[in-house]
Protein backbone atom coordinates (compact mmCIF):
# COMPACT_ATOMS: atom_id res chain seq x y z
CA UNK A 1 101.24 121.06 165.06
CA UNK A 2 104.95 120.93 164.35
CA UNK A 3 104.73 117.18 163.87
CA UNK A 4 102.03 117.60 161.25
CA UNK A 5 104.13 120.18 159.37
CA UNK A 6 107.16 117.88 159.39
CA UNK A 7 104.98 115.06 158.09
CA UNK A 8 103.74 117.18 155.16
CA UNK A 9 107.29 118.33 154.39
CA UNK A 10 108.47 114.73 154.20
CA UNK A 11 105.58 113.86 151.87
CA UNK A 12 106.40 116.85 149.67
CA UNK A 13 110.04 115.79 149.39
CA UNK A 14 109.02 112.26 148.42
CA UNK A 15 106.62 113.56 145.79
CA UNK A 16 109.37 115.76 144.35
CA UNK A 17 111.76 112.82 144.14
CA UNK A 18 109.12 110.69 142.41
CA UNK A 19 108.43 113.47 139.89
CA UNK A 20 112.15 113.75 139.11
CA UNK A 21 112.41 109.98 138.61
CA UNK A 22 109.39 110.00 136.29
CA UNK A 23 110.86 112.86 134.25
CA UNK A 24 114.18 110.99 133.98
CA UNK A 25 112.37 107.87 132.80
CA UNK A 26 110.46 109.90 130.21
CA UNK A 27 113.70 111.43 128.93
CA UNK A 28 115.26 107.99 128.59
CA UNK A 29 112.19 106.70 126.76
CA UNK A 30 112.29 109.64 124.35
CA UNK A 31 115.99 109.01 123.74
CA UNK A 32 115.30 105.36 123.00
CA UNK A 33 112.54 106.29 120.56
CA UNK A 34 114.91 108.56 118.64
CA UNK A 35 117.01 105.53 117.65
CA UNK A 36 115.32 102.99 115.42
CA UNK A 37 115.72 99.24 115.66
CA UNK A 38 117.98 99.24 112.61
CA UNK A 39 120.30 101.79 114.22
CA UNK A 40 120.56 99.74 117.39
CA UNK A 41 121.17 96.55 115.41
CA UNK A 42 123.89 98.23 113.38
CA UNK A 43 125.60 99.50 116.55
CA UNK A 44 125.57 96.06 118.17
CA UNK A 45 126.94 94.41 115.04
CA UNK A 46 129.61 97.07 114.68
CA UNK A 47 130.76 96.38 118.24
CA UNK A 48 130.89 92.66 117.44
CA UNK A 49 132.92 93.40 114.31
CA UNK A 50 135.42 95.46 116.33
CA UNK A 51 135.81 92.61 118.82
CA UNK A 52 136.30 89.96 116.13
CA UNK A 53 138.79 92.02 114.15
CA UNK A 54 141.12 92.12 117.15
CA UNK A 55 141.87 88.46 116.49
CA UNK A 56 144.02 87.72 113.48
CA UNK A 57 142.99 85.19 110.89
CA UNK A 58 139.91 84.55 108.79
CA UNK A 59 136.92 82.97 110.49
CA UNK A 60 133.32 82.31 109.62
CA UNK A 61 132.31 84.62 112.47
CA UNK A 62 133.79 87.56 110.57
CA UNK A 63 131.90 86.52 107.46
CA UNK A 64 128.60 86.28 109.34
CA UNK A 65 129.06 89.62 111.11
CA UNK A 66 130.07 91.46 107.94
CA UNK A 67 127.14 89.94 106.05
CA UNK A 68 124.72 91.02 108.78
CA UNK A 69 126.20 94.53 108.82
CA UNK A 70 125.82 94.74 105.05
CA UNK A 71 122.19 93.62 105.25
CA UNK A 72 121.35 96.21 107.92
CA UNK A 73 123.14 98.94 105.96
CA UNK A 74 121.11 98.05 102.88
CA UNK A 75 117.91 98.31 104.90
CA UNK A 76 119.07 101.74 106.03
CA UNK A 77 119.54 102.65 102.34
CA UNK A 78 123.31 102.98 102.80
CA UNK A 79 124.25 101.19 99.60
CA UNK A 80 127.96 102.04 99.61
CA UNK A 81 128.54 100.69 103.13
CA UNK A 82 126.50 97.59 102.36
CA UNK A 83 128.50 96.91 99.21
CA UNK A 84 131.82 97.35 101.02
CA UNK A 85 130.83 94.93 103.81
CA UNK A 86 129.55 92.33 101.35
CA UNK A 87 132.77 92.46 99.34
CA UNK A 88 134.85 92.03 102.51
CA UNK A 89 132.76 89.05 103.58
CA UNK A 90 133.05 87.51 100.11
CA UNK A 91 136.83 87.85 100.02
CA UNK A 92 137.15 86.13 103.42
CA UNK A 93 134.67 83.41 102.50
CA UNK A 94 136.51 82.47 99.32
CA UNK A 95 139.56 81.62 101.45
CA UNK A 96 137.57 79.42 103.84
CA UNK A 97 135.19 77.28 101.80
CA UNK A 98 135.17 75.29 98.57
CA UNK A 99 134.87 77.17 95.26
CA UNK A 100 131.39 75.73 94.59
CA UNK A 101 129.95 76.50 98.02
CA UNK A 102 126.38 77.77 98.16
CA UNK A 103 127.49 80.59 100.47
CA UNK A 104 129.74 81.99 97.75
CA UNK A 105 126.82 81.97 95.32
CA UNK A 106 124.63 83.73 97.89
CA UNK A 107 127.15 86.50 98.59
CA UNK A 108 127.73 87.05 94.87
CA UNK A 109 123.99 87.45 94.41
CA UNK A 110 123.78 89.93 97.30
CA UNK A 111 126.60 92.01 95.81
CA UNK A 112 124.67 91.94 92.54
CA UNK A 113 121.56 93.28 94.28
CA UNK A 114 123.53 96.09 95.93
CA UNK A 115 124.96 97.18 92.61
CA UNK A 116 121.55 97.03 90.96
CA UNK A 117 120.00 99.17 93.69
CA UNK A 118 122.88 101.60 93.31
CA UNK A 119 122.06 101.96 89.57
CA UNK A 120 125.15 100.00 88.51
CA UNK A 121 123.58 97.27 86.42
CA UNK A 122 126.65 96.86 84.23
CA UNK A 123 128.81 96.10 87.28
CA UNK A 124 126.17 93.75 88.71
CA UNK A 125 126.16 91.40 85.71
CA UNK A 126 129.53 89.66 86.47
CA UNK A 127 128.48 88.84 90.03
CA UNK A 128 125.19 87.38 88.81
CA UNK A 129 127.06 85.29 86.24
CA UNK A 130 129.45 84.09 88.94
CA UNK A 131 126.56 83.03 91.18
CA UNK A 132 125.02 81.06 88.30
CA UNK A 133 128.34 79.35 87.56
CA UNK A 134 128.81 78.35 91.20
CA UNK A 135 125.31 76.86 91.39
CA UNK A 136 125.76 74.86 88.18
CA UNK A 137 129.19 73.63 89.26
CA UNK A 138 127.82 72.37 92.57
CA UNK A 139 124.87 70.69 90.86
CA UNK A 140 127.24 68.84 88.56
CA UNK A 141 129.40 67.69 91.45
CA UNK A 142 126.39 66.49 93.46
CA UNK A 143 125.05 64.55 90.49
CA UNK A 144 128.40 62.80 90.10
CA UNK A 145 128.45 61.96 93.80
CA UNK A 146 124.93 60.52 93.62
CA UNK A 147 125.98 58.31 90.71
CA UNK A 148 129.06 57.12 92.58
CA UNK A 149 127.07 56.34 95.73
CA UNK A 150 124.43 54.40 93.80
CA UNK A 151 127.16 52.42 92.01
CA UNK A 152 128.98 51.62 95.25
CA UNK A 153 125.78 50.39 96.92
CA UNK A 154 125.09 48.12 93.97
CA UNK A 155 128.56 46.53 94.15
CA UNK A 156 128.35 46.15 97.92
CA UNK A 157 125.00 44.40 97.56
CA UNK A 158 126.57 41.85 95.19
CA UNK A 159 129.56 41.11 97.45
CA UNK A 160 128.98 38.63 100.30
CA UNK A 161 132.14 39.19 102.31
CA UNK A 162 130.78 41.97 104.56
CA UNK A 163 128.65 41.14 107.60
CA UNK A 164 124.91 41.71 107.39
CA UNK A 165 124.83 44.42 110.08
CA UNK A 166 127.56 46.52 108.52
CA UNK A 167 125.96 46.10 105.12
CA UNK A 168 122.54 47.33 106.32
CA UNK A 169 124.03 50.35 108.16
CA UNK A 170 126.08 51.38 105.15
CA UNK A 171 123.01 51.09 102.91
CA UNK A 172 120.99 53.33 105.25
CA UNK A 173 123.74 55.97 105.45
CA UNK A 174 124.19 56.00 101.70
CA UNK A 175 120.42 56.28 101.21
CA UNK A 176 120.22 59.31 103.51
CA UNK A 177 123.13 61.02 101.81
CA UNK A 178 121.64 60.38 98.38
CA UNK A 179 118.28 61.85 99.45
CA UNK A 180 119.96 64.95 100.88
CA UNK A 181 122.04 65.45 97.77
CA UNK A 182 119.05 65.03 95.49
CA UNK A 183 117.12 67.62 97.50
CA UNK A 184 120.05 70.04 97.26
CA UNK A 185 120.27 69.43 93.51
CA UNK A 186 116.60 70.33 93.15
CA UNK A 187 117.04 73.49 95.21
CA UNK A 188 120.11 74.64 93.31
CA UNK A 189 118.40 73.98 89.98
CA UNK A 190 115.55 76.29 90.98
CA UNK A 191 118.00 78.95 92.16
CA UNK A 192 119.89 78.74 88.89
CA UNK A 193 116.68 79.38 86.97
CA UNK A 194 115.88 82.44 89.09
CA UNK A 195 119.41 83.78 88.69
CA UNK A 196 119.24 83.36 84.92
CA UNK A 197 116.02 85.38 84.83
CA UNK A 198 117.72 88.04 86.91
CA UNK A 199 120.63 88.09 84.49
CA UNK A 200 118.25 88.59 81.57
CA UNK A 201 116.65 91.56 83.33
CA UNK A 202 120.05 93.13 84.00
CA UNK A 203 121.17 92.66 80.41
CA UNK A 204 117.94 94.20 79.15
CA UNK A 205 118.37 97.12 81.53
CA UNK A 206 121.88 97.73 80.27
CA UNK A 207 121.02 97.37 76.58
CA UNK A 208 117.82 99.42 76.58
CA UNK A 209 117.21 101.33 79.80
CA UNK A 210 114.67 103.69 78.21
CA UNK A 211 112.25 100.85 77.42
CA UNK A 212 112.00 99.88 81.07
CA UNK A 213 111.49 103.50 82.06
CA UNK A 214 108.79 103.90 79.44
CA UNK A 215 107.06 100.77 80.73
CA UNK A 216 107.12 102.14 84.26
CA UNK A 217 105.78 105.51 83.10
CA UNK A 218 103.07 103.77 81.08
CA UNK A 219 101.97 101.81 84.12
CA UNK A 220 101.87 104.98 86.20
CA UNK A 221 99.83 106.87 83.59
CA UNK A 222 97.40 103.95 83.31
CA UNK A 223 96.89 104.02 87.06
CA UNK A 224 96.28 107.79 86.94
CA UNK A 225 93.71 107.41 84.15
CA UNK A 226 91.95 104.68 86.07
CA UNK A 227 91.80 106.88 89.16
CA UNK A 228 90.39 109.78 87.12
CA UNK A 229 87.71 107.56 85.58
CA UNK A 230 86.66 106.24 88.96
CA UNK A 231 86.51 109.78 90.36
CA UNK A 232 84.38 110.96 87.40
CA UNK A 233 81.98 108.02 87.77
CA UNK A 234 81.61 108.71 91.49
CA UNK A 235 80.84 112.39 90.78
CA UNK A 236 78.20 111.44 88.18
CA UNK A 237 76.56 108.95 90.51
CA UNK A 238 76.45 111.49 93.33
CA UNK A 239 74.90 114.13 91.04
CA UNK A 240 72.27 111.65 89.85
CA UNK A 241 71.43 110.78 93.43
CA UNK A 242 71.12 114.48 94.28
CA UNK A 243 68.75 115.06 91.31
CA UNK A 244 66.62 112.09 92.24
CA UNK A 245 66.37 113.20 95.85
CA UNK A 246 65.47 116.78 94.90
CA UNK A 247 62.81 115.69 92.37
CA UNK A 248 61.16 112.93 94.41
CA UNK A 249 61.81 114.00 97.97
CA UNK A 250 59.12 114.44 100.61
CA UNK A 251 60.00 118.10 101.05
CA UNK A 252 59.87 119.04 97.34
CA UNK A 253 57.29 121.71 96.46
CA UNK A 254 54.18 120.60 94.53
CA UNK A 255 52.90 122.58 91.56
CA UNK A 256 49.34 122.38 90.28
CA UNK A 257 48.56 121.18 86.78
CA UNK A 258 46.81 124.36 85.87
CA UNK A 259 49.77 126.38 86.99
CA UNK A 260 52.13 124.37 84.84
CA UNK A 261 49.81 124.62 81.85
CA UNK A 262 49.47 128.32 82.32
CA UNK A 263 53.20 128.77 82.64
CA UNK A 264 53.73 126.77 79.48
CA UNK A 265 51.19 128.93 77.62
CA UNK A 266 52.78 132.13 78.86
CA UNK A 267 49.74 133.17 80.95
CA UNK A 268 50.09 134.58 84.46
CA UNK A 269 47.98 132.72 87.00
CA UNK A 270 47.00 133.46 90.59
CA UNK A 271 45.76 131.10 93.24
CA UNK A 272 42.73 132.62 94.84
CA UNK A 273 41.35 131.48 98.19
CA UNK A 274 37.55 131.13 98.25
CA UNK A 275 35.20 129.91 100.92
CA UNK A 276 36.88 127.64 103.42
CA UNK A 277 40.39 127.98 102.14
CA UNK A 278 39.97 125.90 98.96
CA UNK A 279 42.51 126.99 96.36
CA UNK A 280 41.20 127.92 92.94
CA UNK A 281 43.02 128.90 89.81
CA UNK A 282 42.05 132.28 88.40
CA UNK A 283 43.14 132.99 84.85
CA UNK A 284 43.93 136.71 84.58
CA UNK A 285 44.06 137.31 80.84
CA UNK A 286 41.59 134.64 79.83
CA UNK A 287 38.94 135.52 82.42
CA UNK A 288 39.33 139.21 81.76
CA UNK A 289 38.67 138.74 78.06
CA UNK A 290 35.68 136.47 78.67
CA UNK A 291 34.13 138.91 81.16
CA UNK A 292 34.62 141.78 78.74
CA UNK A 293 32.86 139.85 76.01
CA UNK A 294 30.01 138.81 78.28
CA UNK A 295 29.20 142.29 79.64
CA UNK A 296 28.09 143.82 76.32
CA UNK A 297 25.92 140.82 75.67
CA UNK A 298 24.19 141.24 78.99
CA UNK A 299 23.76 144.99 78.55
CA UNK A 300 22.37 144.83 75.00
CA UNK A 301 18.69 144.03 75.83
CA UNK A 302 18.17 147.12 77.96
CA UNK A 303 19.69 149.28 75.23
CA UNK A 304 17.29 147.80 72.66
CA UNK A 305 14.40 148.38 74.94
CA UNK A 306 15.35 151.98 75.41
CA UNK A 307 15.52 152.47 71.66
CA UNK A 308 12.03 151.14 71.12
CA UNK A 309 10.59 153.33 73.78
CA UNK A 310 12.14 156.32 72.21
């Protein structure tokens, strides 16, 4: 008996430990759910920033980390922090790369977006203009390089001093570089067009902000009117369906023709049951008048006979 009690006590202790572990796991899960993915990403990037900043000097790692922090902050709707991180990354990048680098154009555009979201369209215009200038400058440089490469390949093809193997390898390398540069020129040209459209929108917003607001309000009112019309049409269709079902349903009461005629004429009618339950219409006022007229006619012969006898 004592052995059985000890066995149950051991089982109870194990169950209690398992319950405590499950409750601890649930608490940890609830704590993890409280923090969103953006919060966790921002914390990890902030730790990386602290580690990188311990080392002196400008590196591309700092630029990448600051840019990622700025992007996460913008997703968290922290515009001021995002703008500060983007500006720091841009200042470091300008000391590391060429003035017409695509990365400089990208960071200028991101700063422009931050300022636009923060309702600072006037401050966003210079960064958009700078991004356009960088893209156009790089396109011009790439076009010059393509011309130089094509000219050098033409002169090398004319010369016969180089060996055949070296000549073929140089032609292949120059062809690959020309194709890459032409693809980049096409990409940058498209980006320049998009940036110019963005600049036009910003300038219009600065010059006439009320027109854009009125357009937005007009679109919202049009949507509201459309919703009201659809709601009214649905109500009308439902009412028509209800009328049709009530008038032509299987359970709708039937009214006799005589009853409807009598009701239209203003005469009260009663349905009398005669014989084997067959319904018959009895006209109260009409039948009463006809019976009253018929009775004197039937009674008149006896009265005449009585007069003659007298």
